[in-house]
Amino acid sequence: MEAVIEGRVYKFGDNINSDIIIPGRYLIYIDREKLAEHAFEMLGQGVAAKLRSFDILVAGRNFGGGSAREQAATAIQGLGIKAVVACSFARTFYRNAINDGLPIVECPAIYDTVQEGDQIRIDLGSGIIRHNGAEYPFPKMPDSVRQILELGGLANYLKAQLTP
């Protein structure tokens, strides 16, 4: 994970739940690419392919609500998405994303100003998102969470802790 993440934005509205992100019938898969093939498919044919041309998802309130499936974060990563910024996240999705190494940022202030296709720059270290010359602060992540992200997820973090 990079401390600074830059890229093009795809914008969602409120209440994008885990069933929308990855339908339950695909929970038999664990491979990121296989999950990504079916990500957001209930929003229409070709949505997953379209999302592959974006780097960052920006969403409204309650992103990732619904069931606690960890495959939702995995499917997003399989699309090549580097980070998700939202007004708020379902707590279970937030934790699953961190555990899977997907950077998650709560920043309601940017939602109304960003449009699909805009470029943003997320600085995880300073807690600032930059967009069109403006800066939008967000709560800095605790060092332990940043370490988990830097190592690519909780499993890699635990392996590093156990390696002498």
N, C-alpha and C. Protein backbone atom coordinates (compact mmCIF):
# COMPACT_ATOMS: atom_id res chain seq x y z
N MET A 1 0.84 -1.17 0.00
CA MET A 1 0.00 0.00 0.00
C MET A 1 0.88 1.23 0.00
N GLU A 2 0.49 2.19 -0.78
CA GLU A 2 1.22 3.44 -0.86
C GLU A 2 0.68 4.41 0.19
N ALA A 3 1.57 5.27 0.72
CA ALA A 3 1.13 6.28 1.68
C ALA A 3 0.34 7.38 0.98
N VAL A 4 0.59 7.56 -0.32
CA VAL A 4 -0.16 8.52 -1.12
C VAL A 4 -0.80 7.76 -2.28
N ILE A 5 -2.10 7.93 -2.42
CA ILE A 5 -2.86 7.24 -3.45
C ILE A 5 -3.49 8.30 -4.35
N GLU A 6 -3.22 8.20 -5.63
CA GLU A 6 -3.77 9.16 -6.59
C GLU A 6 -4.54 8.41 -7.66
N GLY A 7 -5.56 9.07 -8.20
CA GLY A 7 -6.24 8.45 -9.32
C GLY A 7 -7.59 9.03 -9.62
N ARG A 8 -8.21 8.41 -10.64
CA ARG A 8 -9.53 8.82 -11.11
C ARG A 8 -10.62 8.23 -10.23
N VAL A 9 -11.66 9.03 -10.04
CA VAL A 9 -12.76 8.70 -9.15
C VAL A 9 -13.96 8.16 -9.90
N TYR A 10 -14.54 7.09 -9.35
CA TYR A 10 -15.89 6.67 -9.72
C TYR A 10 -16.77 6.97 -8.52
N LYS A 11 -17.92 7.58 -8.75
CA LYS A 11 -18.75 8.05 -7.63
C LYS A 11 -20.05 7.25 -7.52
N PHE A 12 -20.30 6.77 -6.31
CA PHE A 12 -21.53 6.08 -5.94
C PHE A 12 -22.35 6.97 -5.01
N GLY A 13 -23.60 6.61 -4.80
CA GLY A 13 -24.46 7.29 -3.85
C GLY A 13 -24.41 6.62 -2.48
N ASP A 14 -25.49 6.73 -1.73
CA ASP A 14 -25.60 6.16 -0.39
C ASP A 14 -25.99 4.68 -0.45
N ASN A 15 -25.71 3.99 0.65
CA ASN A 15 -26.19 2.63 0.91
C ASN A 15 -25.80 1.60 -0.15
N ILE A 16 -24.56 1.64 -0.58
CA ILE A 16 -24.05 0.59 -1.47
C ILE A 16 -23.67 -0.57 -0.56
N ASN A 17 -24.56 -1.56 -0.51
CA ASN A 17 -24.35 -2.64 0.46
C ASN A 17 -23.52 -3.78 -0.12
N SER A 18 -23.18 -4.71 0.75
CA SER A 18 -22.30 -5.81 0.34
C SER A 18 -22.96 -6.73 -0.69
N ASP A 19 -24.29 -6.78 -0.72
CA ASP A 19 -24.97 -7.57 -1.75
C ASP A 19 -24.81 -6.92 -3.12
N ILE A 20 -24.75 -5.61 -3.16
CA ILE A 20 -24.51 -4.90 -4.42
C ILE A 20 -23.05 -5.09 -4.84
N ILE A 21 -22.15 -5.01 -3.88
CA ILE A 21 -20.73 -5.14 -4.20
C ILE A 21 -20.42 -6.53 -4.75
N ILE A 22 -20.86 -7.56 -4.06
CA ILE A 22 -20.65 -8.93 -4.55
C ILE A 22 -21.84 -9.79 -4.11
N PRO A 23 -22.67 -10.22 -5.06
CA PRO A 23 -23.84 -11.03 -4.71
C PRO A 23 -23.45 -12.34 -4.00
N GLY A 24 -24.32 -12.76 -3.11
CA GLY A 24 -24.06 -13.94 -2.27
C GLY A 24 -23.74 -15.21 -3.01
N ARG A 25 -24.27 -15.37 -4.21
CA ARG A 25 -24.03 -16.63 -4.94
C ARG A 25 -22.57 -16.79 -5.36
N TYR A 26 -21.78 -15.72 -5.27
CA TYR A 26 -20.37 -15.80 -5.65
C TYR A 26 -19.43 -15.92 -4.45
N LEU A 27 -19.98 -16.11 -3.28
CA LEU A 27 -19.15 -16.21 -2.08
C LEU A 27 -18.39 -17.52 -2.01
N ILE A 28 -18.59 -18.39 -2.97
CA ILE A 28 -17.82 -19.64 -3.04
C ILE A 28 -16.40 -19.37 -3.52
N TYR A 29 -16.17 -18.19 -4.08
CA TYR A 29 -14.85 -17.83 -4.60
C TYR A 29 -14.06 -17.02 -3.58
N ILE A 30 -12.74 -17.19 -3.62
CA ILE A 30 -11.87 -16.36 -2.79
C ILE A 30 -10.86 -15.58 -3.63
N ASP A 31 -10.71 -15.97 -4.89
CA ASP A 31 -9.77 -15.32 -5.79
C ASP A 31 -10.26 -13.92 -6.15
N ARG A 32 -9.40 -12.92 -6.02
CA ARG A 32 -9.77 -11.52 -6.29
C ARG A 32 -10.29 -11.33 -7.70
N GLU A 33 -9.60 -11.91 -8.66
CA GLU A 33 -10.01 -11.72 -10.06
C GLU A 33 -11.37 -12.35 -10.34
N LYS A 34 -11.60 -13.52 -9.79
CA LYS A 34 -12.89 -14.19 -9.99
C LYS A 34 -14.02 -13.39 -9.35
N LEU A 35 -13.79 -12.89 -8.14
CA LEU A 35 -14.79 -12.07 -7.48
C LEU A 35 -15.03 -10.77 -8.26
N ALA A 36 -13.96 -10.19 -8.78
CA ALA A 36 -14.08 -8.93 -9.52
C ALA A 36 -14.94 -9.10 -10.78
N GLU A 37 -14.93 -10.28 -11.38
CA GLU A 37 -15.76 -10.52 -12.57
C GLU A 37 -17.24 -10.27 -12.28
N HIS A 38 -17.63 -10.46 -11.02
CA HIS A 38 -19.04 -10.36 -10.65
C HIS A 38 -19.34 -9.16 -9.75
N ALA A 39 -18.33 -8.34 -9.49
CA ALA A 39 -18.52 -7.18 -8.62
C ALA A 39 -19.52 -6.21 -9.24
N PHE A 40 -20.42 -5.73 -8.42
CA PHE A 40 -21.41 -4.71 -8.79
C PHE A 40 -22.29 -5.13 -9.97
N GLU A 41 -22.37 -6.44 -10.28
CA GLU A 41 -23.10 -6.86 -11.46
C GLU A 41 -24.60 -6.58 -11.38
N MET A 42 -25.15 -6.47 -10.17
CA MET A 42 -26.58 -6.18 -10.09
C MET A 42 -26.89 -4.73 -10.49
N LEU A 43 -25.85 -3.92 -10.70
CA LEU A 43 -26.06 -2.56 -11.18
C LEU A 43 -26.11 -2.51 -12.71
N GLY A 44 -25.87 -3.64 -13.35
CA GLY A 44 -25.97 -3.70 -14.80
C GLY A 44 -24.77 -4.37 -15.43
N GLN A 45 -24.99 -4.90 -16.60
CA GLN A 45 -23.92 -5.57 -17.33
C GLN A 45 -22.84 -4.56 -17.70
N GLY A 46 -21.60 -4.95 -17.51
CA GLY A 46 -20.47 -4.09 -17.88
C GLY A 46 -20.00 -3.15 -16.80
N VAL A 47 -20.65 -3.13 -15.64
CA VAL A 47 -20.23 -2.21 -14.58
C VAL A 47 -18.84 -2.57 -14.07
N ALA A 48 -18.58 -3.85 -13.86
CA ALA A 48 -17.25 -4.26 -13.38
C ALA A 48 -16.17 -3.83 -14.36
N ALA A 49 -16.41 -4.03 -15.65
CA ALA A 49 -15.43 -3.63 -16.67
C ALA A 49 -15.21 -2.13 -16.65
N LYS A 50 -16.27 -1.37 -16.49
CA LYS A 50 -16.16 0.09 -16.42
C LYS A 50 -15.33 0.52 -15.21
N LEU A 51 -15.58 -0.11 -14.07
CA LEU A 51 -14.89 0.27 -12.84
C LEU A 51 -13.38 0.03 -12.92
N ARG A 52 -12.96 -0.89 -13.77
CA ARG A 52 -11.53 -1.18 -13.92
C ARG A 52 -10.75 0.01 -14.48
N SER A 53 -11.45 0.98 -15.05
CA SER A 53 -10.76 2.16 -15.58
C SER A 53 -10.67 3.29 -14.55
N PHE A 54 -11.09 3.03 -13.33
CA PHE A 54 -11.02 4.00 -12.24
C PHE A 54 -10.08 3.47 -11.16
N ASP A 55 -9.61 4.37 -10.30
CA ASP A 55 -8.65 4.00 -9.27
C ASP A 55 -9.21 4.07 -7.85
N ILE A 56 -10.17 4.97 -7.65
CA ILE A 56 -10.68 5.26 -6.32
C ILE A 56 -12.20 5.33 -6.38
N LEU A 57 -12.86 4.69 -5.43
CA LEU A 57 -14.31 4.82 -5.31
C LEU A 57 -14.61 5.89 -4.28
N VAL A 58 -15.56 6.76 -4.60
CA VAL A 58 -16.06 7.74 -3.64
C VAL A 58 -17.55 7.47 -3.50
N ALA A 59 -18.02 7.39 -2.27
CA ALA A 59 -19.42 7.04 -2.04
C ALA A 59 -20.01 7.88 -0.92
N GLY A 60 -21.32 7.80 -0.82
CA GLY A 60 -22.06 8.52 0.22
C GLY A 60 -22.01 7.79 1.55
N ARG A 61 -23.14 7.77 2.21
CA ARG A 61 -23.23 7.18 3.54
C ARG A 61 -23.44 5.67 3.49
N ASN A 62 -22.95 5.00 4.53
CA ASN A 62 -23.19 3.58 4.78
C ASN A 62 -22.68 2.66 3.67
N PHE A 63 -21.50 2.93 3.17
CA PHE A 63 -20.91 2.05 2.16
C PHE A 63 -20.56 0.71 2.81
N GLY A 64 -20.94 -0.38 2.18
CA GLY A 64 -20.61 -1.72 2.67
C GLY A 64 -21.55 -2.28 3.70
N GLY A 65 -22.71 -1.66 3.88
CA GLY A 65 -23.69 -2.20 4.83
C GLY A 65 -24.19 -3.56 4.38
N GLY A 66 -25.07 -4.14 5.16
CA GLY A 66 -25.61 -5.44 4.81
C GLY A 66 -24.86 -6.55 5.52
N SER A 67 -24.61 -7.62 4.80
CA SER A 67 -23.95 -8.77 5.43
C SER A 67 -22.47 -8.48 5.65
N ALA A 68 -21.86 -9.30 6.46
CA ALA A 68 -20.47 -9.09 6.88
C ALA A 68 -19.47 -9.79 5.96
N ARG A 69 -19.82 -10.03 4.73
CA ARG A 69 -18.95 -10.80 3.84
C ARG A 69 -17.63 -10.08 3.56
N GLU A 70 -16.56 -10.77 3.84
CA GLU A 70 -15.23 -10.19 3.60
C GLU A 70 -14.89 -10.13 2.12
N GLN A 71 -15.59 -10.90 1.30
CA GLN A 71 -15.33 -10.90 -0.13
C GLN A 71 -15.67 -9.57 -0.79
N ALA A 72 -16.44 -8.71 -0.14
CA ALA A 72 -16.78 -7.41 -0.73
C ALA A 72 -15.52 -6.58 -0.93
N ALA A 73 -14.68 -6.50 0.07
CA ALA A 73 -13.42 -5.75 -0.07
C ALA A 73 -12.50 -6.44 -1.07
N THR A 74 -12.48 -7.75 -1.07
CA THR A 74 -11.63 -8.50 -1.99
C THR A 74 -12.05 -8.26 -3.44
N ALA A 75 -13.35 -8.23 -3.70
CA ALA A 75 -13.85 -7.99 -5.05
C ALA A 75 -13.46 -6.60 -5.54
N ILE A 76 -13.54 -5.61 -4.66
CA ILE A 76 -13.16 -4.24 -5.01
C ILE A 76 -11.69 -4.20 -5.39
N GLN A 77 -10.85 -4.85 -4.62
CA GLN A 77 -9.43 -4.88 -4.94
C GLN A 77 -9.17 -5.60 -6.26
N GLY A 78 -9.94 -6.63 -6.53
CA GLY A 78 -9.79 -7.36 -7.79
C GLY A 78 -10.06 -6.49 -9.01
N LEU A 79 -10.84 -5.44 -8.83
CA LEU A 79 -11.12 -4.50 -9.91
C LEU A 79 -9.95 -3.55 -10.15
N GLY A 80 -8.98 -3.57 -9.24
CA GLY A 80 -7.85 -2.65 -9.36
C GLY A 80 -8.06 -1.35 -8.61
N ILE A 81 -9.11 -1.28 -7.82
CA ILE A 81 -9.39 -0.08 -7.02
C ILE A 81 -8.36 0.01 -5.90
N LYS A 82 -7.76 1.20 -5.76
CA LYS A 82 -6.69 1.40 -4.78
C LYS A 82 -7.20 1.86 -3.42
N ALA A 83 -8.39 2.49 -3.35
CA ALA A 83 -8.92 3.00 -2.09
C ALA A 83 -10.40 3.32 -2.26
N VAL A 84 -11.08 3.39 -1.12
CA VAL A 84 -12.48 3.81 -1.09
C VAL A 84 -12.59 4.97 -0.11
N VAL A 85 -13.23 6.04 -0.56
CA VAL A 85 -13.51 7.20 0.27
C VAL A 85 -15.03 7.30 0.37
N ALA A 86 -15.56 7.44 1.57
CA ALA A 86 -17.01 7.55 1.72
C ALA A 86 -17.35 8.48 2.88
N CYS A 87 -18.60 8.92 2.89
CA CYS A 87 -19.08 9.73 4.01
C CYS A 87 -19.09 8.90 5.28
N SER A 88 -19.48 7.63 5.14
CA SER A 88 -19.43 6.70 6.27
C SER A 88 -19.44 5.27 5.74
N PHE A 89 -18.93 4.36 6.56
CA PHE A 89 -18.86 2.94 6.22
C PHE A 89 -19.59 2.13 7.27
N ALA A 90 -20.12 1.00 6.84
CA ALA A 90 -20.57 0.01 7.81
C ALA A 90 -19.31 -0.48 8.54
N ARG A 91 -19.38 -0.60 9.83
CA ARG A 91 -18.21 -0.94 10.64
C ARG A 91 -17.59 -2.27 10.24
N THR A 92 -18.41 -3.27 9.94
CA THR A 92 -17.85 -4.57 9.57
C THR A 92 -17.11 -4.47 8.24
N PHE A 93 -17.67 -3.76 7.27
CA PHE A 93 -16.98 -3.59 6.00
C PHE A 93 -15.67 -2.85 6.22
N TYR A 94 -15.69 -1.82 7.03
CA TYR A 94 -14.48 -1.04 7.31
C TYR A 94 -13.36 -1.96 7.82
N ARG A 95 -13.70 -2.77 8.79
CA ARG A 95 -12.69 -3.67 9.38
C ARG A 95 -12.25 -4.73 8.38
N ASN A 96 -13.19 -5.29 7.64
CA ASN A 96 -12.82 -6.29 6.63
C ASN A 96 -11.89 -5.69 5.58
N ALA A 97 -12.16 -4.46 5.17
CA ALA A 97 -11.31 -3.81 4.17
C ALA A 97 -9.89 -3.63 4.71
N ILE A 98 -9.76 -3.15 5.92
CA ILE A 98 -8.43 -2.98 6.54
C ILE A 98 -7.73 -4.34 6.60
N ASN A 99 -8.45 -5.35 7.08
CA ASN A 99 -7.86 -6.68 7.20
C ASN A 99 -7.40 -7.22 5.85
N ASP A 100 -8.05 -6.81 4.77
CA ASP A 100 -7.70 -7.27 3.43
C ASP A 100 -6.68 -6.35 2.75
N GLY A 101 -6.33 -5.25 3.42
CA GLY A 101 -5.32 -4.35 2.86
C GLY A 101 -5.87 -3.28 1.93
N LEU A 102 -7.17 -3.03 1.98
CA LEU A 102 -7.80 -2.00 1.14
C LEU A 102 -7.94 -0.71 1.94
N PRO A 103 -7.24 0.36 1.56
CA PRO A 103 -7.36 1.63 2.28
C PRO A 103 -8.78 2.20 2.22
N ILE A 104 -9.27 2.59 3.37
CA ILE A 104 -10.63 3.10 3.56
C ILE A 104 -10.52 4.44 4.27
N VAL A 105 -11.20 5.46 3.73
CA VAL A 105 -11.11 6.80 4.30
C VAL A 105 -12.51 7.39 4.45
N GLU A 106 -12.84 7.84 5.65
CA GLU A 106 -14.10 8.55 5.87
C GLU A 106 -13.85 10.04 5.74
N CYS A 107 -14.48 10.66 4.73
CA CYS A 107 -14.30 12.09 4.48
C CYS A 107 -15.57 12.64 3.84
N PRO A 108 -16.59 12.94 4.64
CA PRO A 108 -17.85 13.44 4.08
C PRO A 108 -17.71 14.76 3.32
N ALA A 109 -16.73 15.57 3.68
CA ALA A 109 -16.60 16.90 3.09
C ALA A 109 -16.33 16.87 1.59
N ILE A 110 -15.69 15.83 1.10
CA ILE A 110 -15.34 15.80 -0.33
C ILE A 110 -16.48 15.32 -1.22
N TYR A 111 -17.46 14.66 -0.65
CA TYR A 111 -18.49 13.99 -1.46
C TYR A 111 -19.21 14.94 -2.42
N ASP A 112 -19.63 16.09 -1.96
CA ASP A 112 -20.39 17.00 -2.81
C ASP A 112 -19.54 17.70 -3.87
N THR A 113 -18.23 17.71 -3.69
CA THR A 113 -17.38 18.45 -4.63
C THR A 113 -16.79 17.57 -5.73
N VAL A 114 -16.67 16.30 -5.49
CA VAL A 114 -16.03 15.41 -6.47
C VAL A 114 -17.05 14.86 -7.46
N GLN A 115 -16.61 14.73 -8.70
CA GLN A 115 -17.44 14.17 -9.76
C GLN A 115 -16.74 12.97 -10.38
N GLU A 116 -17.51 12.11 -11.01
CA GLU A 116 -16.93 10.96 -11.68
C GLU A 116 -15.89 11.41 -12.70
N GLY A 117 -14.72 10.78 -12.66
CA GLY A 117 -13.64 11.10 -13.57
C GLY A 117 -12.64 12.10 -13.02
N ASP A 118 -13.00 12.78 -11.92
CA ASP A 118 -12.06 13.72 -11.29
C ASP A 118 -10.85 12.98 -10.76
N GLN A 119 -9.76 13.69 -10.62
CA GLN A 119 -8.54 13.17 -9.99
C GLN A 119 -8.51 13.63 -8.54
N ILE A 120 -8.17 12.72 -7.64
CA ILE A 120 -7.93 13.10 -6.25
C ILE A 120 -6.62 12.47 -5.78
N ARG A 121 -6.12 13.04 -4.71
CA ARG A 121 -4.86 12.56 -4.10
C ARG A 121 -5.12 12.37 -2.61
N ILE A 122 -4.97 11.15 -2.14
CA ILE A 122 -5.19 10.81 -0.74
C ILE A 122 -3.84 10.60 -0.08
N ASP A 123 -3.54 11.41 0.92
CA ASP A 123 -2.30 11.26 1.68
C ASP A 123 -2.66 10.64 3.03
N LEU A 124 -2.45 9.34 3.14
CA LEU A 124 -2.83 8.62 4.36
C LEU A 124 -2.01 9.07 5.56
N GLY A 125 -0.77 9.47 5.33
CA GLY A 125 0.09 9.90 6.43
C GLY A 125 -0.33 11.22 7.04
N SER A 126 -0.72 12.18 6.20
CA SER A 126 -1.10 13.51 6.71
C SER A 126 -2.59 13.63 6.98
N GLY A 127 -3.39 12.70 6.46
CA GLY A 127 -4.83 12.78 6.67
C GLY A 127 -5.47 13.87 5.81
N ILE A 128 -5.01 14.02 4.56
CA ILE A 128 -5.52 15.06 3.68
C ILE A 128 -5.84 14.46 2.31
N ILE A 129 -7.01 14.83 1.77
CA ILE A 129 -7.34 14.53 0.39
C ILE A 129 -7.26 15.84 -0.37
N ARG A 130 -6.59 15.82 -1.52
CA ARG A 130 -6.48 17.01 -2.36
C ARG A 130 -7.30 16.80 -3.64
N HIS A 131 -8.08 17.84 -3.95
CA HIS A 131 -8.95 17.79 -5.13
C HIS A 131 -9.16 19.20 -5.65
N ASN A 132 -8.79 19.43 -6.90
CA ASN A 132 -8.98 20.74 -7.54
C ASN A 132 -8.46 21.90 -6.71
N GLY A 133 -7.29 21.73 -6.13
CA GLY A 133 -6.67 22.81 -5.37
C GLY A 133 -7.15 22.96 -3.94
N ALA A 134 -8.14 22.19 -3.54
CA ALA A 134 -8.66 22.25 -2.17
C ALA A 134 -8.15 21.06 -1.37
N GLU A 135 -8.12 21.21 -0.06
CA GLU A 135 -7.71 20.13 0.84
C GLU A 135 -8.87 19.76 1.75
N TYR A 136 -9.07 18.46 1.92
CA TYR A 136 -10.13 17.93 2.74
C TYR A 136 -9.52 17.01 3.79
N PRO A 137 -9.55 17.42 5.06
CA PRO A 137 -8.96 16.58 6.10
C PRO A 137 -9.86 15.39 6.45
N PHE A 138 -9.21 14.32 6.88
CA PHE A 138 -9.92 13.15 7.40
C PHE A 138 -9.14 12.64 8.60
N PRO A 139 -9.79 11.90 9.50
CA PRO A 139 -9.08 11.39 10.68
C PRO A 139 -7.91 10.48 10.28
N LYS A 140 -6.75 10.78 10.83
CA LYS A 140 -5.58 9.93 10.56
C LYS A 140 -5.81 8.54 11.14
N MET A 141 -5.27 7.57 10.45
CA MET A 141 -5.37 6.19 10.92
C MET A 141 -4.35 5.96 12.01
N PRO A 142 -4.69 5.15 12.99
CA PRO A 142 -3.69 4.76 13.99
C PRO A 142 -2.51 4.05 13.32
N ASP A 143 -1.35 4.15 13.93
CA ASP A 143 -0.15 3.52 13.36
C ASP A 143 -0.36 2.03 13.10
N SER A 144 -1.05 1.35 14.00
CA SER A 144 -1.26 -0.09 13.82
C SER A 144 -2.08 -0.38 12.56
N VAL A 145 -3.06 0.44 12.28
CA VAL A 145 -3.89 0.25 11.08
C VAL A 145 -3.06 0.56 9.83
N ARG A 146 -2.28 1.61 9.87
CA ARG A 146 -1.42 1.93 8.72
C ARG A 146 -0.42 0.81 8.46
N GLN A 147 0.09 0.19 9.53
CA GLN A 147 1.03 -0.92 9.35
C GLN A 147 0.34 -2.11 8.68
N ILE A 148 -0.88 -2.40 9.09
CA ILE A 148 -1.64 -3.49 8.47
C ILE A 148 -1.80 -3.22 6.98
N LEU A 149 -2.18 -1.99 6.64
CA LEU A 149 -2.35 -1.63 5.23
C LEU A 149 -1.03 -1.69 4.47
N GLU A 150 0.04 -1.18 5.07
CA GLU A 150 1.35 -1.19 4.41
C GLU A 150 1.82 -2.60 4.09
N LEU A 151 1.47 -3.55 4.93
CA LEU A 151 1.89 -4.94 4.71
C LEU A 151 0.90 -5.73 3.87
N GLY A 152 -0.17 -5.08 3.42
CA GLY A 152 -1.12 -5.75 2.53
C GLY A 152 -2.22 -6.51 3.22
N GLY A 153 -2.45 -6.26 4.49
CA GLY A 153 -3.55 -6.90 5.20
C GLY A 153 -3.13 -7.53 6.51
N LEU A 154 -4.12 -7.97 7.26
CA LEU A 154 -3.89 -8.51 8.59
C LEU A 154 -3.06 -9.80 8.59
N ALA A 155 -3.31 -10.68 7.63
CA ALA A 155 -2.55 -11.94 7.59
C ALA A 155 -1.05 -11.66 7.44
N ASN A 156 -0.68 -10.75 6.53
CA ASN A 156 0.72 -10.40 6.35
C ASN A 156 1.29 -9.68 7.57
N TYR A 157 0.47 -8.87 8.20
CA TYR A 157 0.90 -8.17 9.41
C TYR A 157 1.23 -9.19 10.51
N LEU A 158 0.34 -10.17 10.70
CA LEU A 158 0.58 -11.19 11.74
C LEU A 158 1.80 -12.05 11.41
N LYS A 159 1.98 -12.38 10.14
CA LYS A 159 3.18 -13.13 9.75
C LYS A 159 4.44 -12.34 10.09
N ALA A 160 4.42 -11.05 9.83
CA ALA A 160 5.59 -10.20 10.13
C ALA A 160 5.84 -10.15 11.64
N GLN A 161 4.79 -10.16 12.43
CA GLN A 161 4.94 -10.12 13.88
C GLN A 161 5.52 -11.43 14.42
N LEU A 162 5.24 -12.52 13.74
CA LEU A 162 5.69 -13.83 14.21
C LEU A 162 7.05 -14.21 13.67
N THR A 163 7.53 -13.50 12.65
CA THR A 163 8.82 -13.82 12.06
C THR A 163 9.93 -13.19 12.89
N PRO A 164 10.88 -14.03 13.35
CA PRO A 164 11.95 -13.48 14.20
C PRO A 164 12.91 -12.60 13.42
